[in-house]
Amino acid sequence: MKVLVIDPACAGIAGDMLLASLIDLIGEPRALDPLADAIRRLDLCREFNYEAKAVDTGGIAATRLAIEIEEGSARDAGDLMEGTAAAAGAAGLSPGACSRALAVTGDLAAAEAHLHRAGFSRHAIASVDTIFDIVGTMLLLDRAGFLEGTIVATPPALGGGTIRTEYGEIPGPAPATLDILARHRFPYASVPVDVELTTPTGAALLAGLAERAVNPYPAMVPVRVGYGTGTREVPGRPDLLRVVEGERLPPGEDRVVILETNLDDVSGEVVGYAVERLFAEGAVDVFVTPALGKKNRPVSIVSVMAASGDEDHLIRVLMEETGTLGVRVHEFRKVVAAREREAVPVSLGGRVYPVRVKTSTVNGRLIAEKPEYDDLSAIAREQGIPLRFVDDAVRLRLSERKREHTSAGRGAGGGCPPDRPNVLNAARDE
């Protein structure tokens, strides 16, 4: 499955930057010609032309969009929705891509009320280039198959500067940008520059496309990278937006995150409850290691194994429950065996029990067979015998089943397995 990472951590995100980065990624500078034709037929547009230019930005080859527009009279947010729907239909967007385009436009329409109260002209939202940015982005994502895959994003850099209104200047970021990010509860990053980095259109596209915010990148196999740039001067950094296409790791390979913290002033009850809570909140594994810390004080090292993407939530749980002030985060490559579960009938004490068995293989070769502990313990309690004897009986049955399969594959014959002592009798004899 395809993965797309949108990375606005360097210089934020604007609609034209995202569109330019996707053109750079796909490598088709005229891919938006059908959309440009559709936009020229809109009532609110008299003339429209675009060009995707290859430029050098901070030593990195990127794509910049040059757009020439002659618009009609100023329109409101309702006309923006109608124009988006008309352009999407004429450009041939799929129903899913069209729905996403309208959702992003709806976010901007809702934010328009905030802009108006802050003194912005409504025309700043309901403009032809906004339609081009939104519908063009969905067209390229749909065409490349990203809308059927996974799209994630790093927190965007907001920047600062000042925003001009009819009543004067206010400090950035723009009210609409914050409104959209707050509506989606999408995190952002702070960058100390006096330039607006993330625009309302960029924020709406990012929040409407990304399934979640990630930092660092998710585990994947990178395929290709695209860079888009705008026309701003950003002090101390290039004006770049990066997008990365990747593929999910092959089966049997994953990335896991280990969270660790040292506790030297927390009771055992608190540690025990924290372990329970971490498991309940989705931790893959939790273990506690005794050690000596500063000044030879005994400490407990709590280690939490988490799936990539769950670490932020589990860090919060770990801090809340233990009061720790810092958590170490390590990312590891993890290779896992392919696992299957099946119920194997096992005869014991005159009864037949279905025992769940987990079979692990690597590259088709058997690595291990492990009976489910809960099933073994239930049988041991019912029969009144030690757990280890139940385990022996189940593993004997698994061994017999292997021989049966081997004999079936070789045809008739093969002899009988040697007699084995009855497990129940052995247990009672002891």
Protein backbone atom coordinates (compact mmCIF):
# COMPACT_ATOMS: atom_id res chain seq x y z
CA MET A 1 0.00 0.00 0.00
CA LYS A 2 1.21 3.49 -0.83
CA VAL A 3 2.17 5.96 1.89
CA LEU A 4 2.48 9.71 1.35
CA VAL A 5 4.24 11.91 3.90
CA ILE A 6 3.56 15.66 3.66
CA ASP A 7 6.38 17.46 5.44
CA PRO A 8 5.72 21.18 6.13
CA ALA A 9 8.13 21.29 9.09
CA CYS A 10 10.68 23.47 7.28
CA ALA A 11 8.63 26.37 5.90
CA GLY A 12 4.98 25.57 6.49
CA ILE A 13 2.42 24.85 3.80
CA ALA A 14 0.41 26.86 1.28
CA GLY A 15 -1.92 25.56 -1.39
CA ASP A 16 0.39 26.39 -4.28
CA MET A 17 3.38 24.84 -2.49
CA LEU A 18 1.56 21.52 -1.96
CA LEU A 19 0.41 21.47 -5.56
CA ALA A 20 3.93 22.27 -6.81
CA SER A 21 5.48 19.54 -4.62
CA LEU A 22 3.05 16.94 -6.01
CA ILE A 23 3.84 17.98 -9.59
CA ASP A 24 7.54 17.63 -8.71
CA LEU A 25 6.93 14.21 -7.16
CA ILE A 26 4.92 12.85 -10.07
CA GLY A 27 7.11 14.51 -12.71
CA GLU A 28 4.31 15.73 -14.98
CA PRO A 29 4.38 19.56 -15.25
CA ARG A 30 1.30 19.67 -17.55
CA ALA A 31 -0.82 17.24 -15.51
CA LEU A 32 -3.23 20.02 -14.51
CA ASP A 33 -4.13 21.17 -18.04
CA PRO A 34 -7.66 19.64 -17.85
CA LEU A 35 -8.28 21.52 -14.60
CA ALA A 36 -6.99 24.79 -16.07
CA ASP A 37 -9.44 24.38 -18.97
CA ALA A 38 -12.27 23.75 -16.50
CA ILE A 39 -11.40 26.83 -14.45
CA ARG A 40 -11.40 29.08 -17.53
CA ARG A 41 -15.05 28.13 -18.06
CA LEU A 42 -16.08 29.26 -14.55
CA ASP A 43 -18.17 32.43 -14.28
CA LEU A 44 -15.79 33.94 -11.73
CA CYS A 45 -12.77 33.64 -14.07
CA ARG A 46 -11.98 35.66 -17.19
CA GLU A 47 -8.50 34.28 -17.85
CA PHE A 48 -6.31 31.62 -16.22
CA ASN A 49 -2.86 30.27 -17.04
CA TYR A 50 -0.29 28.33 -15.04
CA GLU A 51 3.23 27.08 -15.49
CA ALA A 52 5.24 24.66 -13.37
CA LYS A 53 8.83 25.90 -13.28
CA ALA A 54 11.93 24.02 -12.14
CA VAL A 55 13.90 26.25 -9.75
CA ASP A 56 16.78 26.00 -7.29
CA THR A 57 15.81 26.75 -3.69
CA GLY A 58 18.52 26.58 -1.07
CA GLY A 59 20.54 24.19 -3.23
CA ILE A 60 17.57 21.84 -3.71
CA ALA A 61 15.81 21.38 -7.06
CA ALA A 62 12.13 22.20 -6.59
CA THR A 63 9.01 23.15 -8.55
CA ARG A 64 7.31 26.55 -8.36
CA LEU A 65 3.91 27.41 -9.79
CA ALA A 66 3.53 30.65 -11.74
CA ILE A 67 -0.16 31.52 -12.06
CA GLU A 68 -1.80 34.31 -14.08
CA ILE A 69 -5.42 35.06 -13.21
CA GLU A 70 -7.96 37.59 -14.31
CA GLU A 71 -10.90 37.15 -12.01
CA GLY A 72 -14.47 38.34 -12.18
CA SER A 73 -16.26 40.23 -9.44
CA ALA A 74 -15.64 39.36 -5.80
CA ARG A 75 -17.46 36.23 -4.66
CA ASP A 76 -18.52 34.79 -1.31
CA ALA A 77 -17.89 31.39 0.25
CA GLY A 78 -21.00 29.92 -1.35
CA ASP A 79 -19.64 30.70 -4.80
CA LEU A 80 -16.36 29.08 -3.77
CA MET A 81 -18.21 25.82 -3.04
CA GLU A 82 -20.06 25.98 -6.35
CA GLY A 83 -16.88 26.76 -8.27
CA THR A 84 -15.05 23.87 -6.58
CA ALA A 85 -17.82 21.41 -7.46
CA ALA A 86 -18.00 22.64 -11.07
CA ALA A 87 -14.22 22.52 -11.60
CA ALA A 88 -13.94 19.07 -9.97
CA GLY A 89 -16.67 17.66 -12.18
CA ALA A 90 -15.29 19.17 -15.37
CA ALA A 91 -11.72 18.00 -14.57
CA GLY A 92 -12.91 14.41 -14.10
CA LEU A 93 -12.30 13.86 -10.39
CA SER A 94 -13.58 10.61 -8.93
CA PRO A 95 -16.50 10.86 -6.47
CA GLY A 96 -14.14 10.25 -3.53
CA ALA A 97 -11.68 12.94 -4.62
CA CYS A 98 -14.53 15.38 -5.32
CA SER A 99 -15.94 14.75 -1.85
CA ARG A 100 -12.57 15.50 -0.28
CA ALA A 101 -12.19 18.69 -2.30
CA LEU A 102 -15.59 19.92 -1.12
CA ALA A 103 -14.74 19.04 2.50
CA VAL A 104 -11.56 21.13 2.35
CA THR A 105 -13.47 23.98 0.75
CA GLY A 106 -16.08 23.67 3.48
CA ASP A 107 -13.38 24.15 6.11
CA LEU A 108 -12.32 27.34 4.41
CA ALA A 109 -15.91 28.50 4.13
CA ALA A 110 -16.39 27.99 7.87
CA ALA A 111 -13.17 29.87 8.58
CA GLU A 112 -14.32 32.74 6.36
CA ALA A 113 -16.51 34.04 9.18
CA HIS A 114 -13.40 34.42 11.35
CA LEU A 115 -11.62 36.21 8.53
CA HIS A 116 -14.50 38.61 8.06
CA ARG A 117 -14.60 39.47 11.77
CA ALA A 118 -10.86 40.10 11.62
CA GLY A 119 -11.32 42.50 8.71
CA PHE A 120 -10.33 40.29 5.80
CA SER A 121 -11.96 40.74 2.43
CA ARG A 122 -14.13 37.75 1.54
CA HIS A 123 -12.43 37.70 -1.86
CA ALA A 124 -9.25 36.51 -0.12
CA ILE A 125 -10.99 33.16 0.42
CA ALA A 126 -13.32 32.89 -2.59
CA SER A 127 -10.69 33.14 -5.32
CA VAL A 128 -9.83 31.15 -8.42
CA ASP A 129 -6.35 30.18 -7.26
CA THR A 130 -7.92 28.62 -4.13
CA ILE A 131 -10.06 26.39 -6.35
CA PHE A 132 -7.01 25.52 -8.45
CA ASP A 133 -4.99 24.59 -5.35
CA ILE A 134 -7.68 22.40 -3.79
CA VAL A 135 -9.05 20.64 -6.87
CA GLY A 136 -5.57 20.32 -8.40
CA THR A 137 -4.22 18.66 -5.26
CA MET A 138 -7.08 16.14 -5.22
CA LEU A 139 -6.68 15.49 -8.94
CA LEU A 140 -2.99 14.61 -8.59
CA LEU A 141 -3.47 12.54 -5.44
CA ASP A 142 -6.34 10.66 -7.05
CA ARG A 143 -4.38 10.06 -10.24
CA ALA A 144 -1.34 8.73 -8.37
CA GLY A 145 -3.43 6.43 -6.14
CA PHE A 146 -2.59 8.17 -2.86
CA LEU A 147 -6.21 8.63 -1.78
CA GLU A 148 -6.54 4.83 -1.53
CA GLY A 149 -3.37 4.62 0.56
CA THR A 150 -2.20 6.32 3.74
CA ILE A 151 -1.47 10.05 4.00
CA VAL A 152 0.30 11.44 7.08
CA ALA A 153 1.99 14.76 7.83
CA THR A 154 4.51 16.31 10.17
CA PRO A 155 3.27 19.28 12.26
CA PRO A 156 3.37 22.39 10.05
CA ALA A 157 5.57 25.38 10.90
CA LEU A 158 3.22 28.31 11.47
CA GLY A 159 5.63 31.23 11.38
CA GLY A 160 4.70 34.73 12.49
CA GLY A 161 4.79 38.11 10.87
CA THR A 162 1.71 40.31 10.64
CA ILE A 163 -1.65 39.85 8.96
CA ARG A 164 -3.20 42.90 7.31
CA THR A 165 -6.88 43.57 7.99
CA GLU A 166 -9.27 46.40 7.16
CA TYR A 167 -8.70 47.70 10.69
CA GLY A 168 -4.94 47.41 10.79
CA GLU A 169 -2.33 44.71 11.30
CA ILE A 170 -2.52 41.79 13.74
CA PRO A 171 0.26 39.35 14.62
CA GLY A 172 0.28 36.02 12.78
CA PRO A 173 -0.74 33.30 12.39
CA ALA A 174 -3.98 34.11 10.57
CA PRO A 175 -7.17 33.46 12.58
CA ALA A 176 -8.49 31.10 9.89
CA THR A 177 -5.34 28.96 10.04
CA LEU A 178 -5.68 28.47 13.79
CA ASP A 179 -9.42 27.87 13.48
CA ILE A 180 -8.92 25.06 10.96
CA LEU A 181 -6.12 23.39 12.94
CA ALA A 182 -8.16 23.65 16.15
CA ARG A 183 -11.24 22.15 14.48
CA HIS A 184 -9.21 19.11 13.46
CA ARG A 185 -7.03 19.16 16.61
CA PHE A 186 -4.01 19.05 14.33
CA PRO A 187 -0.70 19.96 16.03
CA TYR A 188 1.64 22.62 14.69
CA ALA A 189 5.29 23.62 15.24
CA SER A 190 6.59 27.06 16.13
CA VAL A 191 9.33 28.66 14.04
CA PRO A 192 10.72 32.08 15.13
CA VAL A 193 10.42 33.94 11.81
CA ASP A 194 8.44 37.07 10.97
CA VAL A 195 6.79 35.48 7.94
CA GLU A 196 3.45 33.70 7.62
CA LEU A 197 4.41 30.13 6.73
CA THR A 198 1.15 28.17 6.91
CA THR A 199 -1.81 29.72 5.11
CA PRO A 200 -5.50 28.92 5.65
CA THR A 201 -5.68 26.99 2.37
CA GLY A 202 -2.54 25.03 3.27
CA ALA A 203 -3.90 24.25 6.73
CA ALA A 204 -7.25 23.11 5.32
CA LEU A 205 -5.59 20.81 2.79
CA LEU A 206 -3.22 19.36 5.38
CA ALA A 207 -5.90 18.73 8.01
CA GLY A 208 -8.30 17.34 5.41
CA LEU A 209 -5.81 14.90 3.90
CA ALA A 210 -3.57 13.64 6.70
CA GLU A 211 -4.87 10.76 8.79
CA ARG A 212 -2.61 11.82 11.65
CA ALA A 213 0.41 13.93 12.54
CA VAL A 214 3.73 12.05 12.75
CA ASN A 215 7.16 12.89 14.07
CA PRO A 216 9.46 11.25 13.03
CA TYR A 217 8.45 9.78 9.67
CA PRO A 218 6.59 6.46 9.76
CA ALA A 219 8.42 3.26 8.92
CA MET A 220 8.26 2.67 5.16
CA VAL A 221 10.33 2.04 2.05
CA PRO A 222 10.91 5.43 0.32
CA VAL A 223 10.15 5.50 -3.41
CA ARG A 224 10.47 9.13 -4.56
CA VAL A 225 10.58 12.67 -3.17
CA GLY A 226 9.10 15.94 -4.41
CA TYR A 227 9.79 19.55 -3.43
CA GLY A 228 7.54 22.56 -3.89
CA THR A 229 8.36 26.18 -3.22
CA GLY A 230 6.62 29.54 -3.17
CA THR A 231 7.83 33.10 -3.59
CA ARG A 232 8.45 34.09 0.03
CA GLU A 233 11.72 35.07 1.62
CA VAL A 234 12.09 32.97 4.78
CA PRO A 235 15.04 34.07 6.97
CA GLY A 236 17.50 31.29 7.76
CA ARG A 237 15.80 28.47 5.85
CA PRO A 238 14.69 27.56 2.32
CA ASP A 239 11.04 28.08 1.39
CA LEU A 240 10.40 24.37 0.77
CA LEU A 241 7.61 21.87 1.23
CA ARG A 242 8.64 18.22 0.92
CA VAL A 243 6.44 15.25 0.03
CA VAL A 244 7.69 11.68 0.20
CA GLU A 245 6.09 8.67 -1.46
CA GLY A 246 6.73 5.35 0.23
CA GLU A 247 5.51 1.80 0.52
CA ARG A 248 4.61 -0.05 3.66
CA LEU A 249 7.28 -2.37 4.98
CA PRO A 250 7.06 -5.94 3.67
CA PRO A 251 5.21 -8.52 5.78
CA GLY A 252 7.27 -9.65 8.74
CA GLU A 253 9.07 -6.32 9.17
CA ASP A 254 7.96 -3.39 11.28
CA ARG A 255 9.19 -0.45 13.31
CA VAL A 256 8.58 -0.26 17.03
CA VAL A 257 9.26 2.47 19.54
CA ILE A 258 10.68 1.84 23.01
CA LEU A 259 9.82 4.36 25.72
CA GLU A 260 11.95 4.31 28.86
CA THR A 261 12.04 6.22 32.11
CA ASN A 262 13.82 5.80 35.47
CA LEU A 263 11.72 5.95 38.65
CA ASP A 264 13.39 6.31 42.04
CA ASP A 265 10.68 7.87 44.20
CA VAL A 266 7.53 6.00 43.15
CA SER A 267 5.85 3.22 45.13
CA GLY A 268 5.45 -0.28 43.80
CA GLU A 269 1.69 0.13 43.73
CA VAL A 270 1.98 3.15 41.44
CA VAL A 271 4.38 1.32 39.13
CA GLY A 272 2.10 -1.71 38.99
CA TYR A 273 -0.95 0.39 38.19
CA ALA A 274 1.00 2.29 35.52
CA VAL A 275 1.89 -1.02 33.86
CA GLU A 276 -1.78 -2.05 33.82
CA ARG A 277 -2.84 1.32 32.41
CA LEU A 278 -0.18 1.24 29.68
CA PHE A 279 -1.36 -2.18 28.53
CA ALA A 280 -4.96 -0.99 28.56
CA GLU A 281 -4.01 2.05 26.45
CA GLY A 282 -2.44 -0.03 23.69
CA ALA A 283 1.18 -0.77 24.66
CA VAL A 284 2.57 -3.81 22.87
CA ASP A 285 4.62 -4.81 25.93
CA VAL A 286 5.67 -3.29 29.25
CA PHE A 287 8.41 -4.50 31.57
CA VAL A 288 10.14 -3.15 34.68
CA THR A 289 13.86 -3.65 35.36
CA PRO A 290 15.46 -2.99 38.76
CA ALA A 291 18.72 -1.02 38.65
CA LEU A 292 20.97 1.35 40.59
CA GLY A 293 20.69 5.04 39.78
CA LYS A 294 22.35 8.23 40.96
CA LYS A 295 23.90 8.09 44.43
CA ASN A 296 23.45 4.29 44.30
CA ARG A 297 19.73 4.62 44.86
CA PRO A 298 17.58 1.68 43.67
CA VAL A 299 15.48 2.64 40.64
CA SER A 300 12.90 0.96 38.44
CA ILE A 301 13.40 1.29 34.69
CA VAL A 302 9.99 1.16 33.03
CA SER A 303 10.22 0.13 29.37
CA VAL A 304 7.22 0.40 27.08
CA MET A 305 7.08 -1.13 23.61
CA ALA A 306 4.70 0.77 21.32
CA ALA A 307 3.67 0.65 17.70
CA SER A 308 5.00 3.52 15.62
CA GLY A 309 2.47 6.32 15.85
CA ASP A 310 1.22 5.45 19.36
CA GLU A 311 4.20 6.80 21.26
CA ASP A 312 2.88 10.31 21.97
CA HIS A 313 -0.27 8.99 23.61
CA LEU A 314 1.63 6.44 25.70
CA ILE A 315 4.23 9.03 26.76
CA ARG A 316 1.38 11.11 28.17
CA VAL A 317 -0.01 8.08 30.05
CA LEU A 318 3.44 7.21 31.43
CA MET A 319 4.00 10.77 32.66
CA GLU A 320 0.51 11.07 34.15
CA GLU A 321 0.71 7.81 36.09
CA THR A 322 4.30 8.00 37.36
CA GLY A 323 5.01 11.72 37.52
CA THR A 324 8.24 11.25 35.57
CA LEU A 325 9.66 14.40 34.03
CA GLY A 326 11.38 12.79 31.04
CA VAL A 327 10.94 9.80 28.74
CA ARG A 328 13.60 8.40 26.42
CA VAL A 329 12.33 7.42 22.96
CA HIS A 330 14.11 4.88 20.76
CA GLU A 331 12.94 3.58 17.39
CA PHE A 332 13.95 0.06 16.32
CA ARG A 333 13.55 -2.16 13.30
CA LYS A 334 11.67 -5.29 14.24
CA VAL A 335 11.52 -8.50 12.21
CA VAL A 336 8.64 -10.77 13.20
CA ALA A 337 7.70 -14.27 12.20
CA ALA A 338 4.46 -14.90 10.35
CA ARG A 339 1.92 -16.21 12.84
CA GLU A 340 -1.26 -18.25 12.46
CA ARG A 341 -3.68 -19.59 15.07
CA GLU A 342 -5.77 -22.72 14.86
CA ALA A 343 -7.68 -24.91 17.30
CA VAL A 344 -6.21 -28.40 17.70
CA PRO A 345 -8.38 -31.11 19.35
CA VAL A 346 -6.54 -32.77 22.23
CA SER A 347 -7.87 -35.85 24.09
CA LEU A 348 -7.17 -35.77 27.81
CA GLY A 349 -8.85 -37.59 30.72
CA GLY A 350 -11.67 -38.90 28.57
CA ARG A 351 -12.51 -35.49 27.10
CA VAL A 352 -11.55 -33.71 23.90
CA TYR A 353 -10.47 -30.10 24.35
CA PRO A 354 -9.98 -27.56 21.55
CA VAL A 355 -6.58 -25.96 22.29
CA ARG A 356 -5.57 -22.84 20.39
CA VAL A 357 -2.06 -23.17 18.98
CA LYS A 358 0.01 -20.33 17.54
CA THR A 359 2.27 -21.44 14.68
CA SER A 360 5.19 -19.18 13.72
CA THR A 361 7.05 -19.42 10.42
CA VAL A 362 9.80 -17.48 8.66
CA ASN A 363 10.02 -17.75 4.87
CA GLY A 364 7.71 -20.76 5.03
CA ARG A 365 9.83 -22.65 7.57
CA LEU A 366 8.35 -23.65 10.91
CA ILE A 367 9.95 -21.82 13.84
CA ALA A 368 7.72 -22.65 16.78
CA GLU A 369 4.33 -23.97 17.86
CA LYS A 370 2.98 -22.57 21.11
CA PRO A 371 -0.25 -23.65 22.80
CA GLU A 372 -2.38 -20.86 24.29
CA TYR A 373 -1.71 -20.54 28.01
CA ASP A 374 -5.33 -19.75 28.91
CA ASP A 375 -6.49 -23.01 27.30
CA LEU A 376 -3.79 -25.05 29.06
CA SER A 377 -4.52 -23.54 32.46
CA ALA A 378 -8.28 -24.15 32.07
CA ILE A 379 -7.65 -27.84 31.32
CA ALA A 380 -5.22 -28.15 34.24
CA ARG A 381 -7.77 -26.72 36.66
CA GLU A 382 -10.56 -28.93 35.38
CA GLN A 383 -8.47 -32.10 35.42
CA GLY A 384 -6.68 -31.27 38.69
CA ILE A 385 -3.19 -31.89 37.31
CA PRO A 386 -0.09 -29.70 36.95
CA LEU A 387 0.05 -27.34 34.02
CA ARG A 388 3.31 -28.83 32.75
CA PHE A 389 1.65 -32.24 32.19
CA VAL A 390 -1.11 -30.64 30.15
CA ASP A 391 1.55 -28.85 28.11
CA ASP A 392 3.36 -32.17 27.53
CA ALA A 393 0.15 -33.80 26.31
CA VAL A 394 -0.62 -31.00 23.90
CA ARG A 395 2.89 -30.95 22.48
CA LEU A 396 2.76 -34.76 22.09
CA ARG A 397 -0.43 -34.32 20.06
CA LEU A 398 1.26 -31.67 17.91
CA SER A 399 4.19 -34.01 17.30
CA GLU A 400 1.84 -36.86 16.31
CA ARG A 401 -0.02 -34.54 13.96
CA LYS A 402 3.26 -33.65 12.19
CA ARG A 403 4.02 -37.34 11.67
CA GLU A 404 0.51 -37.91 10.34
CA HIS A 405 0.94 -35.12 7.84
CA THR A 406 4.36 -36.43 6.82
CA SER A 407 3.03 -39.98 6.37
CA ALA A 408 0.06 -38.71 4.36
CA GLY A 409 2.46 -36.87 2.06
CA ARG A 410 4.59 -40.02 1.51
CA GLY A 411 1.72 -42.46 1.00
CA ALA A 412 0.81 -45.57 2.99
CA GLY A 413 3.12 -47.18 5.46
CA GLY A 414 5.65 -45.59 7.70
CA GLY A 415 5.02 -47.68 10.80
CA CYS A 416 3.47 -46.71 14.10
CA PRO A 417 4.86 -44.25 16.60
CA PRO A 418 6.35 -45.84 19.73
CA ASP A 419 4.16 -46.15 22.79
CA ARG A 420 4.12 -43.15 25.10
CA PRO A 421 3.21 -43.09 28.78
CA ASN A 422 -0.25 -41.72 29.52
CA VAL A 423 0.10 -38.16 30.83
CA LEU A 424 -2.76 -38.41 33.30
CA ASN A 425 -1.39 -41.61 34.77
CA ALA A 426 2.08 -40.08 35.01
CA ALA A 427 0.64 -37.13 36.86
CA ARG A 428 -1.25 -39.30 39.29
CA ASP A 429 1.79 -41.58 39.83
CA GLU A 430 3.83 -38.54 40.89
